Amino acid sequence: MRSDVMVARLAARLLLAPFGFACGVLAAFATVAAMATGGLGDTHLFPEEIAVLGYDLTINAATVALLFAPLMGAPAIVAVAISEMFSLRSWIYHAGAGAASALLPWSLAPSSFEGPVFTTSQVIAAGLVGGLVHWLVAGRTAGLADHERPGGNGPAAKP
């Protein structure tokens, strides 16, 4: 690979990987919020109750974002760095890394933590969704190695 192409690809990866992480975190938080409101289908809420519920969910989402997003960042950065170094483009790797990145800070929270209460399965599901979104945005093209042609007939032709 030519050096100018390599530098351009490296610059693109330095922009795309953090953007994929941000999209994955947003998707994970949306997943948690959707699962938290999943049991509301059977209730008949008055408009003022809906407003209070929306306020509560916003406060819970902001609490989770401020407390856990920075903690999820450390294992996620390690996972993204590994995928970039070794050109790991598997959706399974990214989904597993997303689940591990979400579960690690959740499992380290003290038992006296008085924040929003989510189950472990909800946190894992949110991490899986976040990892898959990162894979869709940045993980499918991870690394600086040459890409395979769609037909699977070996490396793409070099210019």
N, C-alpha and C. Protein backbone atom coordinates (compact mmCIF):
# COMPACT_ATOMS: atom_id res chain seq x y z
N MET A 1 0.86 -1.17 0.00
CA MET A 1 0.00 0.00 0.00
C MET A 1 0.90 1.23 0.00
N ARG A 2 0.56 2.21 -0.82
CA ARG A 2 1.36 3.43 -0.90
C ARG A 2 1.25 4.20 0.40
N SER A 3 2.29 4.97 0.70
CA SER A 3 2.33 5.68 1.98
C SER A 3 1.27 6.77 2.08
N ASP A 4 0.97 7.46 0.97
CA ASP A 4 -0.06 8.50 1.04
C ASP A 4 -1.44 7.89 1.26
N VAL A 5 -1.68 6.73 0.69
CA VAL A 5 -2.96 6.03 0.90
C VAL A 5 -3.03 5.54 2.34
N MET A 6 -1.91 5.07 2.86
CA MET A 6 -1.86 4.58 4.24
C MET A 6 -2.14 5.72 5.23
N VAL A 7 -1.55 6.89 4.99
CA VAL A 7 -1.76 8.03 5.88
C VAL A 7 -3.22 8.49 5.81
N ALA A 8 -3.79 8.52 4.62
CA ALA A 8 -5.19 8.92 4.47
C ALA A 8 -6.11 7.91 5.16
N ARG A 9 -5.82 6.64 5.02
CA ARG A 9 -6.65 5.61 5.67
C ARG A 9 -6.52 5.70 7.19
N LEU A 10 -5.31 5.97 7.68
CA LEU A 10 -5.11 6.12 9.13
C LEU A 10 -5.90 7.33 9.65
N ALA A 11 -5.86 8.42 8.92
CA ALA A 11 -6.63 9.61 9.33
C ALA A 11 -8.12 9.32 9.34
N ALA A 12 -8.59 8.59 8.35
CA ALA A 12 -10.01 8.23 8.30
C ALA A 12 -10.38 7.33 9.48
N ARG A 13 -9.50 6.39 9.82
CA ARG A 13 -9.78 5.49 10.95
C ARG A 13 -9.80 6.26 12.26
N LEU A 14 -8.91 7.26 12.41
CA LEU A 14 -8.87 8.06 13.64
C LEU A 14 -10.15 8.89 13.82
N LEU A 15 -10.84 9.19 12.74
CA LEU A 15 -12.11 9.90 12.82
C LEU A 15 -13.30 8.95 12.93
N LEU A 16 -13.24 7.86 12.18
CA LEU A 16 -14.39 6.96 12.11
C LEU A 16 -14.57 6.12 13.37
N ALA A 17 -13.49 5.67 13.99
CA ALA A 17 -13.61 4.83 15.19
C ALA A 17 -14.27 5.57 16.35
N PRO A 18 -13.88 6.80 16.69
CA PRO A 18 -14.61 7.51 17.76
C PRO A 18 -16.06 7.83 17.39
N PHE A 19 -16.30 8.12 16.12
CA PHE A 19 -17.68 8.37 15.69
C PHE A 19 -18.52 7.11 15.86
N GLY A 20 -17.95 5.95 15.53
CA GLY A 20 -18.65 4.68 15.73
C GLY A 20 -18.91 4.41 17.19
N PHE A 21 -17.95 4.77 18.07
CA PHE A 21 -18.16 4.60 19.51
C PHE A 21 -19.31 5.48 19.98
N ALA A 22 -19.33 6.73 19.54
CA ALA A 22 -20.41 7.64 19.96
C ALA A 22 -21.77 7.14 19.48
N CYS A 23 -21.84 6.65 18.26
CA CYS A 23 -23.10 6.10 17.75
C CYS A 23 -23.50 4.86 18.55
N GLY A 24 -22.53 4.02 18.89
CA GLY A 24 -22.82 2.83 19.68
C GLY A 24 -23.33 3.16 21.07
N VAL A 25 -22.74 4.18 21.71
CA VAL A 25 -23.19 4.59 23.05
C VAL A 25 -24.62 5.12 22.97
N LEU A 26 -24.91 5.94 21.97
CA LEU A 26 -26.27 6.46 21.82
C LEU A 26 -27.27 5.34 21.58
N ALA A 27 -26.90 4.37 20.76
CA ALA A 27 -27.80 3.24 20.50
C ALA A 27 -28.00 2.40 21.76
N ALA A 28 -26.95 2.23 22.55
CA ALA A 28 -27.07 1.47 23.80
C ALA A 28 -28.00 2.17 24.78
N PHE A 29 -27.86 3.49 24.91
CA PHE A 29 -28.74 4.23 25.80
C PHE A 29 -30.19 4.20 25.31
N ALA A 30 -30.39 4.27 24.00
CA ALA A 30 -31.75 4.18 23.45
C ALA A 30 -32.34 2.80 23.72
N THR A 31 -31.50 1.76 23.65
CA THR A 31 -31.96 0.41 23.94
C THR A 31 -32.37 0.27 25.39
N VAL A 32 -31.56 0.80 26.30
CA VAL A 32 -31.91 0.74 27.72
C VAL A 32 -33.20 1.50 27.98
N ALA A 33 -33.35 2.66 27.38
CA ALA A 33 -34.57 3.44 27.58
C ALA A 33 -35.78 2.71 27.03
N ALA A 34 -35.63 2.08 25.88
CA ALA A 34 -36.75 1.34 25.29
C ALA A 34 -37.13 0.14 26.16
N MET A 35 -36.12 -0.55 26.71
CA MET A 35 -36.42 -1.70 27.57
C MET A 35 -37.03 -1.25 28.90
N ALA A 36 -36.61 -0.09 29.39
CA ALA A 36 -37.15 0.40 30.65
C ALA A 36 -38.61 0.79 30.51
N THR A 37 -39.01 1.22 29.32
CA THR A 37 -40.40 1.60 29.11
C THR A 37 -41.22 0.48 28.49
N GLY A 38 -40.66 -0.69 28.34
CA GLY A 38 -41.36 -1.80 27.70
C GLY A 38 -42.61 -2.24 28.41
N GLY A 39 -42.67 -2.13 29.72
CA GLY A 39 -43.84 -2.57 30.47
C GLY A 39 -44.93 -1.53 30.56
N LEU A 40 -44.81 -0.43 29.83
CA LEU A 40 -45.81 0.63 29.93
C LEU A 40 -46.97 0.45 28.98
N GLY A 41 -46.95 -0.57 28.15
CA GLY A 41 -48.01 -0.77 27.17
C GLY A 41 -49.35 -1.08 27.79
N ASP A 42 -49.38 -1.66 28.97
CA ASP A 42 -50.63 -2.05 29.60
C ASP A 42 -51.27 -0.94 30.43
N THR A 43 -50.58 0.14 30.63
CA THR A 43 -51.09 1.20 31.50
C THR A 43 -51.80 2.27 30.69
N HIS A 44 -52.73 2.92 31.32
CA HIS A 44 -53.44 4.04 30.71
C HIS A 44 -53.02 5.29 31.46
N LEU A 45 -52.15 6.06 30.85
CA LEU A 45 -51.58 7.22 31.52
C LEU A 45 -52.30 8.49 31.10
N PHE A 46 -52.46 9.37 32.04
CA PHE A 46 -52.98 10.69 31.74
C PHE A 46 -51.84 11.55 31.23
N PRO A 47 -52.13 12.61 30.48
CA PRO A 47 -51.05 13.43 29.90
C PRO A 47 -50.03 13.93 30.92
N GLU A 48 -50.49 14.33 32.11
CA GLU A 48 -49.52 14.82 33.10
C GLU A 48 -48.64 13.69 33.63
N GLU A 49 -49.17 12.46 33.67
CA GLU A 49 -48.35 11.32 34.09
C GLU A 49 -47.31 10.99 33.03
N ILE A 50 -47.68 11.17 31.77
CA ILE A 50 -46.72 10.93 30.70
C ILE A 50 -45.59 11.95 30.78
N ALA A 51 -45.90 13.20 31.09
CA ALA A 51 -44.87 14.23 31.22
C ALA A 51 -43.93 13.91 32.37
N VAL A 52 -44.48 13.47 33.51
CA VAL A 52 -43.64 13.10 34.65
C VAL A 52 -42.78 11.89 34.31
N LEU A 53 -43.37 10.92 33.62
CA LEU A 53 -42.62 9.73 33.22
C LEU A 53 -41.47 10.11 32.28
N GLY A 54 -41.74 10.98 31.32
CA GLY A 54 -40.69 11.44 30.41
C GLY A 54 -39.57 12.16 31.15
N TYR A 55 -39.94 12.96 32.15
CA TYR A 55 -38.93 13.64 32.95
C TYR A 55 -38.09 12.63 33.72
N ASP A 56 -38.72 11.62 34.33
CA ASP A 56 -37.99 10.60 35.07
C ASP A 56 -37.03 9.84 34.17
N LEU A 57 -37.50 9.46 32.97
CA LEU A 57 -36.63 8.73 32.04
C LEU A 57 -35.47 9.60 31.57
N THR A 58 -35.71 10.88 31.38
CA THR A 58 -34.64 11.79 30.97
C THR A 58 -33.58 11.90 32.06
N ILE A 59 -34.02 12.04 33.30
CA ILE A 59 -33.07 12.12 34.41
C ILE A 59 -32.29 10.82 34.54
N ASN A 60 -32.97 9.67 34.41
CA ASN A 60 -32.28 8.38 34.49
C ASN A 60 -31.27 8.22 33.36
N ALA A 61 -31.66 8.59 32.14
CA ALA A 61 -30.74 8.48 31.01
C ALA A 61 -29.54 9.39 31.18
N ALA A 62 -29.77 10.61 31.69
CA ALA A 62 -28.65 11.53 31.91
C ALA A 62 -27.73 11.00 33.00
N THR A 63 -28.30 10.39 34.05
CA THR A 63 -27.47 9.82 35.11
C THR A 63 -26.61 8.69 34.57
N VAL A 64 -27.21 7.82 33.79
CA VAL A 64 -26.45 6.71 33.22
C VAL A 64 -25.37 7.24 32.28
N ALA A 65 -25.72 8.22 31.45
CA ALA A 65 -24.74 8.77 30.51
C ALA A 65 -23.57 9.41 31.23
N LEU A 66 -23.84 10.17 32.26
CA LEU A 66 -22.76 10.86 32.97
C LEU A 66 -21.92 9.93 33.83
N LEU A 67 -22.54 8.90 34.40
CA LEU A 67 -21.79 8.00 35.28
C LEU A 67 -21.10 6.86 34.54
N PHE A 68 -21.81 6.26 33.59
CA PHE A 68 -21.28 5.03 33.01
C PHE A 68 -20.61 5.19 31.66
N ALA A 69 -20.94 6.22 30.89
CA ALA A 69 -20.30 6.38 29.58
C ALA A 69 -18.78 6.54 29.70
N PRO A 70 -18.28 7.37 30.63
CA PRO A 70 -16.82 7.44 30.76
C PRO A 70 -16.20 6.11 31.22
N LEU A 71 -16.93 5.37 32.06
CA LEU A 71 -16.40 4.09 32.51
C LEU A 71 -16.44 3.04 31.40
N MET A 72 -17.43 3.12 30.51
CA MET A 72 -17.49 2.20 29.38
C MET A 72 -16.42 2.54 28.35
N GLY A 73 -15.98 3.78 28.36
CA GLY A 73 -15.00 4.21 27.37
C GLY A 73 -13.68 3.47 27.44
N ALA A 74 -13.19 3.20 28.65
CA ALA A 74 -11.88 2.56 28.79
C ALA A 74 -11.86 1.16 28.17
N PRO A 75 -12.77 0.24 28.54
CA PRO A 75 -12.71 -1.07 27.88
C PRO A 75 -13.07 -1.00 26.40
N ALA A 76 -13.92 -0.05 26.03
CA ALA A 76 -14.28 0.08 24.61
C ALA A 76 -13.08 0.56 23.79
N ILE A 77 -12.30 1.49 24.34
CA ILE A 77 -11.12 1.97 23.63
C ILE A 77 -10.12 0.83 23.43
N VAL A 78 -9.96 0.00 24.44
CA VAL A 78 -9.05 -1.15 24.31
C VAL A 78 -9.57 -2.10 23.23
N ALA A 79 -10.87 -2.38 23.24
CA ALA A 79 -11.45 -3.29 22.25
C ALA A 79 -11.33 -2.72 20.84
N VAL A 80 -11.58 -1.43 20.68
CA VAL A 80 -11.46 -0.80 19.36
C VAL A 80 -10.01 -0.79 18.91
N ALA A 81 -9.08 -0.51 19.83
CA ALA A 81 -7.65 -0.53 19.46
C ALA A 81 -7.22 -1.92 19.01
N ILE A 82 -7.70 -2.95 19.69
CA ILE A 82 -7.37 -4.33 19.28
C ILE A 82 -7.94 -4.62 17.89
N SER A 83 -9.19 -4.22 17.67
CA SER A 83 -9.79 -4.49 16.35
C SER A 83 -9.08 -3.71 15.25
N GLU A 84 -8.62 -2.51 15.54
CA GLU A 84 -7.90 -1.74 14.54
C GLU A 84 -6.51 -2.31 14.28
N MET A 85 -5.82 -2.74 15.35
CA MET A 85 -4.45 -3.27 15.17
C MET A 85 -4.45 -4.57 14.39
N PHE A 86 -5.42 -5.42 14.67
CA PHE A 86 -5.44 -6.74 14.05
C PHE A 86 -6.47 -6.86 12.94
N SER A 87 -7.06 -5.74 12.52
CA SER A 87 -8.07 -5.69 11.47
C SER A 87 -9.21 -6.69 11.72
N LEU A 88 -9.68 -6.74 12.96
CA LEU A 88 -10.79 -7.62 13.31
C LEU A 88 -12.09 -6.97 12.85
N ARG A 89 -12.73 -7.58 11.89
CA ARG A 89 -13.93 -7.00 11.29
C ARG A 89 -15.18 -7.83 11.55
N SER A 90 -15.12 -8.73 12.48
CA SER A 90 -16.23 -9.62 12.79
C SER A 90 -17.30 -8.92 13.62
N TRP A 91 -18.55 -9.08 13.23
CA TRP A 91 -19.63 -8.49 14.02
C TRP A 91 -19.73 -9.17 15.37
N ILE A 92 -19.34 -10.42 15.45
CA ILE A 92 -19.39 -11.15 16.72
C ILE A 92 -18.40 -10.54 17.71
N TYR A 93 -17.20 -10.21 17.23
CA TYR A 93 -16.21 -9.59 18.10
C TYR A 93 -16.72 -8.25 18.62
N HIS A 94 -17.27 -7.43 17.74
CA HIS A 94 -17.72 -6.10 18.14
C HIS A 94 -18.93 -6.17 19.08
N ALA A 95 -19.84 -7.11 18.83
CA ALA A 95 -20.99 -7.26 19.73
C ALA A 95 -20.53 -7.74 21.11
N GLY A 96 -19.62 -8.71 21.14
CA GLY A 96 -19.09 -9.19 22.41
C GLY A 96 -18.31 -8.13 23.16
N ALA A 97 -17.53 -7.36 22.42
CA ALA A 97 -16.77 -6.27 23.06
C ALA A 97 -17.72 -5.20 23.59
N GLY A 98 -18.80 -4.93 22.87
CA GLY A 98 -19.78 -3.96 23.36
C GLY A 98 -20.46 -4.45 24.63
N ALA A 99 -20.81 -5.73 24.66
CA ALA A 99 -21.44 -6.28 25.87
C ALA A 99 -20.47 -6.24 27.05
N ALA A 100 -19.22 -6.60 26.81
CA ALA A 100 -18.23 -6.57 27.89
C ALA A 100 -17.96 -5.14 28.35
N SER A 101 -17.92 -4.20 27.40
CA SER A 101 -17.68 -2.80 27.76
C SER A 101 -18.83 -2.22 28.57
N ALA A 102 -20.04 -2.68 28.32
CA ALA A 102 -21.19 -2.20 29.11
C ALA A 102 -21.28 -2.91 30.45
N LEU A 103 -20.95 -4.19 30.47
CA LEU A 103 -21.11 -4.97 31.70
C LEU A 103 -20.02 -4.68 32.72
N LEU A 104 -18.81 -4.39 32.27
CA LEU A 104 -17.70 -4.19 33.20
C LEU A 104 -17.96 -3.05 34.19
N PRO A 105 -18.28 -1.83 33.75
CA PRO A 105 -18.54 -0.79 34.76
C PRO A 105 -19.80 -1.07 35.56
N TRP A 106 -20.77 -1.75 34.96
CA TRP A 106 -22.00 -2.07 35.69
C TRP A 106 -21.71 -3.04 36.83
N SER A 107 -20.84 -4.00 36.58
CA SER A 107 -20.51 -4.98 37.62
C SER A 107 -19.61 -4.38 38.70
N LEU A 108 -18.90 -3.31 38.39
CA LEU A 108 -18.02 -2.67 39.36
C LEU A 108 -18.73 -1.63 40.22
N ALA A 109 -20.00 -1.33 39.91
CA ALA A 109 -20.74 -0.34 40.69
C ALA A 109 -20.94 -0.87 42.11
N PRO A 110 -20.80 -0.01 43.10
CA PRO A 110 -20.99 -0.47 44.48
C PRO A 110 -22.43 -0.91 44.73
N SER A 111 -22.60 -1.81 45.67
CA SER A 111 -23.94 -2.33 45.94
C SER A 111 -24.85 -1.25 46.53
N SER A 112 -24.28 -0.19 47.05
CA SER A 112 -25.09 0.88 47.63
C SER A 112 -25.43 1.96 46.60
N PHE A 113 -25.15 1.71 45.33
CA PHE A 113 -25.40 2.68 44.27
C PHE A 113 -26.90 2.94 44.17
N GLU A 114 -27.29 4.20 44.22
CA GLU A 114 -28.70 4.56 44.18
C GLU A 114 -29.02 5.31 42.89
N GLY A 115 -28.75 4.69 41.78
CA GLY A 115 -29.06 5.29 40.50
C GLY A 115 -30.19 4.53 39.85
N PRO A 116 -30.36 4.70 38.55
CA PRO A 116 -31.40 3.96 37.85
C PRO A 116 -31.13 2.46 37.93
N VAL A 117 -32.19 1.70 38.12
CA VAL A 117 -32.04 0.27 38.30
C VAL A 117 -32.37 -0.43 36.99
N PHE A 118 -31.38 -1.08 36.43
CA PHE A 118 -31.55 -1.90 35.24
C PHE A 118 -31.05 -3.29 35.57
N THR A 119 -31.58 -4.27 34.90
CA THR A 119 -31.12 -5.63 35.14
C THR A 119 -29.85 -5.88 34.33
N THR A 120 -29.14 -6.91 34.73
CA THR A 120 -27.90 -7.27 34.03
C THR A 120 -28.19 -7.63 32.58
N SER A 121 -29.29 -8.32 32.33
CA SER A 121 -29.62 -8.69 30.95
C SER A 121 -29.91 -7.46 30.09
N GLN A 122 -30.50 -6.41 30.68
CA GLN A 122 -30.72 -5.18 29.94
C GLN A 122 -29.40 -4.49 29.60
N VAL A 123 -28.47 -4.52 30.53
CA VAL A 123 -27.16 -3.91 30.29
C VAL A 123 -26.41 -4.68 29.20
N ILE A 124 -26.47 -6.00 29.25
CA ILE A 124 -25.80 -6.82 28.23
C ILE A 124 -26.43 -6.57 26.87
N ALA A 125 -27.77 -6.54 26.81
CA ALA A 125 -28.46 -6.29 25.54
C ALA A 125 -28.09 -4.92 24.98
N ALA A 126 -28.01 -3.92 25.85
CA ALA A 126 -27.62 -2.58 25.40
C ALA A 126 -26.19 -2.59 24.86
N GLY A 127 -25.30 -3.32 25.53
CA GLY A 127 -23.93 -3.42 25.04
C GLY A 127 -23.84 -4.14 23.70
N LEU A 128 -24.64 -5.18 23.53
CA LEU A 128 -24.66 -5.89 22.24
C LEU A 128 -25.13 -4.96 21.13
N VAL A 129 -26.18 -4.21 21.38
CA VAL A 129 -26.68 -3.27 20.38
C VAL A 129 -25.63 -2.20 20.09
N GLY A 130 -25.01 -1.66 21.14
CA GLY A 130 -23.98 -0.65 20.94
C GLY A 130 -22.80 -1.19 20.14
N GLY A 131 -22.38 -2.41 20.44
CA GLY A 131 -21.29 -3.03 19.69
C GLY A 131 -21.65 -3.27 18.23
N LEU A 132 -22.88 -3.69 17.98
CA LEU A 132 -23.32 -3.90 16.60
C LEU A 132 -23.41 -2.59 15.82
N VAL A 133 -23.87 -1.54 16.48
CA VAL A 133 -23.92 -0.23 15.81
C VAL A 133 -22.50 0.25 15.51
N HIS A 134 -21.57 0.06 16.45
CA HIS A 134 -20.18 0.43 16.16
C HIS A 134 -19.65 -0.37 14.99
N TRP A 135 -19.99 -1.65 14.94
CA TRP A 135 -19.54 -2.47 13.82
C TRP A 135 -20.11 -1.95 12.50
N LEU A 136 -21.39 -1.57 12.50
CA LEU A 136 -22.00 -1.05 11.27
C LEU A 136 -21.34 0.25 10.82
N VAL A 137 -20.98 1.10 11.76
CA VAL A 137 -20.41 2.41 11.42
C VAL A 137 -18.92 2.29 11.11
N ALA A 138 -18.16 1.60 11.97
CA ALA A 138 -16.70 1.63 11.83
C ALA A 138 -16.04 0.25 11.84
N GLY A 139 -16.66 -0.73 12.43
CA GLY A 139 -16.00 -2.01 12.62
C GLY A 139 -15.86 -2.86 11.38
N ARG A 140 -16.75 -2.69 10.41
CA ARG A 140 -16.67 -3.51 9.20
C ARG A 140 -15.42 -3.22 8.39
N THR A 141 -14.85 -2.04 8.58
CA THR A 141 -13.66 -1.64 7.82
C THR A 141 -12.47 -1.43 8.74
N ALA A 142 -12.45 -2.09 9.88
CA ALA A 142 -11.40 -1.87 10.88
C ALA A 142 -10.03 -2.22 10.34
N GLY A 143 -9.04 -1.49 10.81
CA GLY A 143 -7.65 -1.78 10.50
C GLY A 143 -7.17 -1.14 9.22
N LEU A 144 -5.87 -1.27 9.01
CA LEU A 144 -5.24 -0.69 7.82
C LEU A 144 -4.95 -1.72 6.75
N ALA A 145 -5.28 -2.98 7.01
CA ALA A 145 -5.02 -4.04 6.04
C ALA A 145 -5.91 -3.87 4.82
N ASP A 146 -5.48 -4.44 3.69
CA ASP A 146 -6.29 -4.40 2.48
C ASP A 146 -7.61 -5.12 2.71
N HIS A 147 -8.62 -4.64 2.05
CA HIS A 147 -9.94 -5.26 2.16
C HIS A 147 -10.07 -6.39 1.15
N GLU A 148 -10.89 -7.35 1.50
CA GLU A 148 -11.21 -8.42 0.56
C GLU A 148 -12.27 -7.91 -0.41
N ARG A 149 -12.22 -8.43 -1.63
CA ARG A 149 -13.25 -8.09 -2.58
C ARG A 149 -14.56 -8.74 -2.18
N PRO A 150 -15.70 -8.15 -2.55
CA PRO A 150 -16.98 -8.74 -2.14
C PRO A 150 -17.16 -10.17 -2.58
N GLY A 151 -16.59 -10.57 -3.70
CA GLY A 151 -16.72 -11.93 -4.18
C GLY A 151 -15.86 -12.91 -3.41
N GLY A 152 -14.95 -12.41 -2.59
CA GLY A 152 -14.09 -13.28 -1.80
C GLY A 152 -12.96 -13.89 -2.60
N ASN A 153 -12.54 -13.24 -3.70
CA ASN A 153 -11.50 -13.79 -4.56
C ASN A 153 -10.13 -13.25 -4.23
N GLY A 154 -9.88 -12.91 -3.00
CA GLY A 154 -8.56 -12.42 -2.61
C GLY A 154 -8.58 -10.92 -2.42
N PRO A 155 -7.37 -10.37 -2.19
CA PRO A 155 -7.28 -8.93 -1.93
C PRO A 155 -7.72 -8.11 -3.13
N ALA A 156 -8.21 -6.92 -2.85
CA ALA A 156 -8.63 -6.02 -3.92
C ALA A 156 -7.40 -5.62 -4.74
N ALA A 157 -7.65 -5.30 -5.99
CA ALA A 157 -6.56 -4.91 -6.87
C ALA A 157 -5.95 -3.60 -6.39
N LYS A 158 -4.63 -3.54 -6.42
CA LYS A 158 -3.92 -2.34 -5.98
C LYS A 158 -3.77 -1.39 -7.16
N PRO A 159 -3.88 -0.07 -6.89
CA PRO A 159 -3.74 0.90 -8.00
C PRO A 159 -2.35 0.97 -8.53
